[in-house]
Amino acid sequence: HVRPDMRLAWEEQFGPVLPVVRIVSVEEGINHCNANNLALQGCIFTTDIDKAIMISDAMEAGTVQINSAPARGPDHFPFQGMRDSGIGSQGISNSINMMTKVKSTVINLPSPSYTMG
């Protein structure tokens, strides 16, 4: 178990490492997330979509995945980061918005909630 005072809890790993920090409340989790200098992507796993959206709104991350692992998605939404995790967004159409900061929230529902057509 990794404690918040350990380097492993705050540095970006490039390898098969998964630091797990025990969090006892939603507020503590949001504060821990936002205290980091890295802010590329974050993930929320829950069955409460309303709470997931509230947490996503409070998280300072370029993309927040709900009920899914981190993923790139420039074909669907821009690949972006905040703070030390990147500047701007990937893709020509996003170059126009270089001076703004876009945030994506992805909700992965267990079954389709809409119909295409």
Protein backbone atom coordinates (compact mmCIF):
# COMPACT_ATOMS: atom_id res chain seq x y z
CA HIS A 1 0.00 0.00 0.00
CA VAL A 2 1.30 3.41 -0.99
CA ARG A 3 0.99 6.38 1.37
CA PRO A 4 0.49 9.97 0.12
CA ASP A 5 3.91 10.94 1.57
CA MET A 6 5.74 8.47 -0.74
CA ARG A 7 7.33 9.53 -4.06
CA LEU A 8 5.57 6.66 -5.79
CA ALA A 9 2.21 8.33 -5.07
CA TRP A 10 3.15 11.48 -7.03
CA GLU A 11 5.58 10.60 -9.83
CA GLU A 12 4.57 9.43 -13.30
CA GLN A 13 5.52 5.78 -13.80
CA PHE A 14 6.48 4.32 -17.17
CA GLY A 15 6.23 0.64 -16.44
CA PRO A 16 4.07 -2.03 -14.87
CA VAL A 17 3.46 -0.09 -11.63
CA LEU A 18 0.12 0.65 -10.02
CA PRO A 19 0.41 2.70 -6.84
CA VAL A 20 -2.71 2.21 -4.72
CA VAL A 21 -3.40 4.93 -2.16
CA ARG A 22 -6.16 4.22 0.35
CA ILE A 23 -8.75 7.00 0.33
CA VAL A 24 -11.58 7.12 2.88
CA SER A 25 -13.89 9.77 1.37
CA VAL A 26 -14.83 11.32 -1.95
CA GLU A 27 -13.49 14.68 -0.77
CA GLU A 28 -10.13 13.14 0.19
CA GLY A 29 -9.93 11.45 -3.23
CA ILE A 30 -10.64 14.70 -5.09
CA ASN A 31 -8.09 16.58 -2.98
CA HIS A 32 -5.47 13.88 -3.59
CA CYS A 33 -6.17 13.96 -7.34
CA ASN A 34 -5.94 17.74 -7.57
CA ALA A 35 -2.78 18.00 -5.43
CA ASN A 36 -0.72 16.27 -8.14
CA ASN A 37 1.30 18.18 -10.77
CA LEU A 38 0.25 15.61 -13.38
CA ALA A 39 -3.29 15.83 -14.72
CA LEU A 40 -3.57 13.93 -18.00
CA GLN A 41 -6.36 11.45 -17.22
CA GLY A 42 -8.33 10.19 -14.27
CA CYS A 43 -10.81 7.35 -13.77
CA ILE A 44 -13.91 6.96 -11.63
CA PHE A 45 -15.55 3.58 -11.04
CA THR A 46 -19.07 3.69 -9.64
CA THR A 47 -22.67 2.75 -10.34
CA ASP A 48 -23.83 6.23 -9.23
CA ILE A 49 -23.59 8.31 -12.44
CA ASP A 50 -24.73 11.51 -10.68
CA LYS A 51 -21.89 11.17 -8.15
CA ALA A 52 -19.45 10.31 -10.97
CA ILE A 53 -20.33 13.53 -12.81
CA MET A 54 -19.98 15.56 -9.59
CA ILE A 55 -16.54 14.03 -8.96
CA SER A 56 -15.52 14.53 -12.61
CA ASP A 57 -16.46 18.20 -12.41
CA ALA A 58 -14.26 18.60 -9.33
CA MET A 59 -11.26 16.71 -10.79
CA GLU A 60 -8.64 18.84 -12.50
CA ALA A 61 -7.71 16.43 -15.30
CA GLY A 62 -7.66 16.68 -19.08
CA THR A 63 -9.97 13.67 -19.49
CA VAL A 64 -11.98 11.74 -16.93
CA GLN A 65 -13.08 8.21 -17.81
CA ILE A 66 -16.12 6.91 -15.94
CA ASN A 67 -16.19 3.11 -15.55
CA SER A 68 -13.28 2.57 -17.92
CA ALA A 69 -9.49 2.60 -17.89
CA PRO A 70 -7.46 5.53 -19.27
CA ALA A 71 -7.50 5.65 -23.06
CA ARG A 72 -6.54 7.91 -25.94
CA GLY A 73 -9.35 9.04 -28.11
CA PRO A 74 -8.34 11.75 -30.59
CA ASP A 75 -10.83 10.38 -33.12
CA HIS A 76 -13.66 10.93 -30.65
CA PHE A 77 -12.41 13.67 -28.33
CA PRO A 78 -9.11 15.55 -27.97
CA PHE A 79 -6.10 14.06 -26.18
CA GLN A 80 -5.19 16.67 -23.59
CA GLY A 81 -3.59 17.25 -20.23
CA MET A 82 -3.42 19.87 -17.51
CA ARG A 83 -0.53 21.27 -15.45
CA ASP A 84 2.67 19.24 -16.12
CA SER A 85 0.88 16.64 -18.29
CA GLY A 86 0.73 18.60 -21.51
CA ILE A 87 -0.08 21.83 -23.21
CA GLY A 88 -2.94 22.22 -25.65
CA SER A 89 -4.94 19.51 -27.38
CA GLN A 90 -4.04 17.07 -30.13
CA GLY A 91 -5.64 17.53 -33.54
CA ILE A 92 -5.91 20.30 -36.14
CA SER A 93 -9.44 21.32 -35.19
CA ASN A 94 -8.31 21.81 -31.59
CA SER A 95 -5.45 24.09 -32.60
CA ILE A 96 -8.00 26.88 -32.92
CA ASN A 97 -8.78 26.49 -29.23
CA MET A 98 -5.15 26.39 -28.02
CA MET A 99 -5.78 29.19 -25.54
CA THR A 100 -8.69 27.39 -23.86
CA LYS A 101 -8.70 24.31 -21.68
CA VAL A 102 -11.22 21.64 -22.68
CA LYS A 103 -12.30 18.90 -20.27
CA SER A 104 -13.93 15.64 -21.38
CA THR A 105 -16.07 13.37 -19.22
CA VAL A 106 -16.73 9.91 -20.67
CA ILE A 107 -19.61 7.89 -19.23
CA ASN A 108 -19.52 4.16 -20.02
CA LEU A 109 -23.01 2.83 -19.30
CA PRO A 110 -23.67 -0.92 -19.01
CA SER A 111 -26.19 -0.72 -21.88
CA PRO A 112 -26.97 1.87 -24.56
CA SER A 113 -29.13 4.72 -23.30
CA TYR A 114 -29.88 6.15 -26.75
CA THR A 115 -30.54 4.94 -30.26
CA MET A 116 -28.61 5.94 -33.35
CA GLY A 117 -30.47 6.65 -36.49
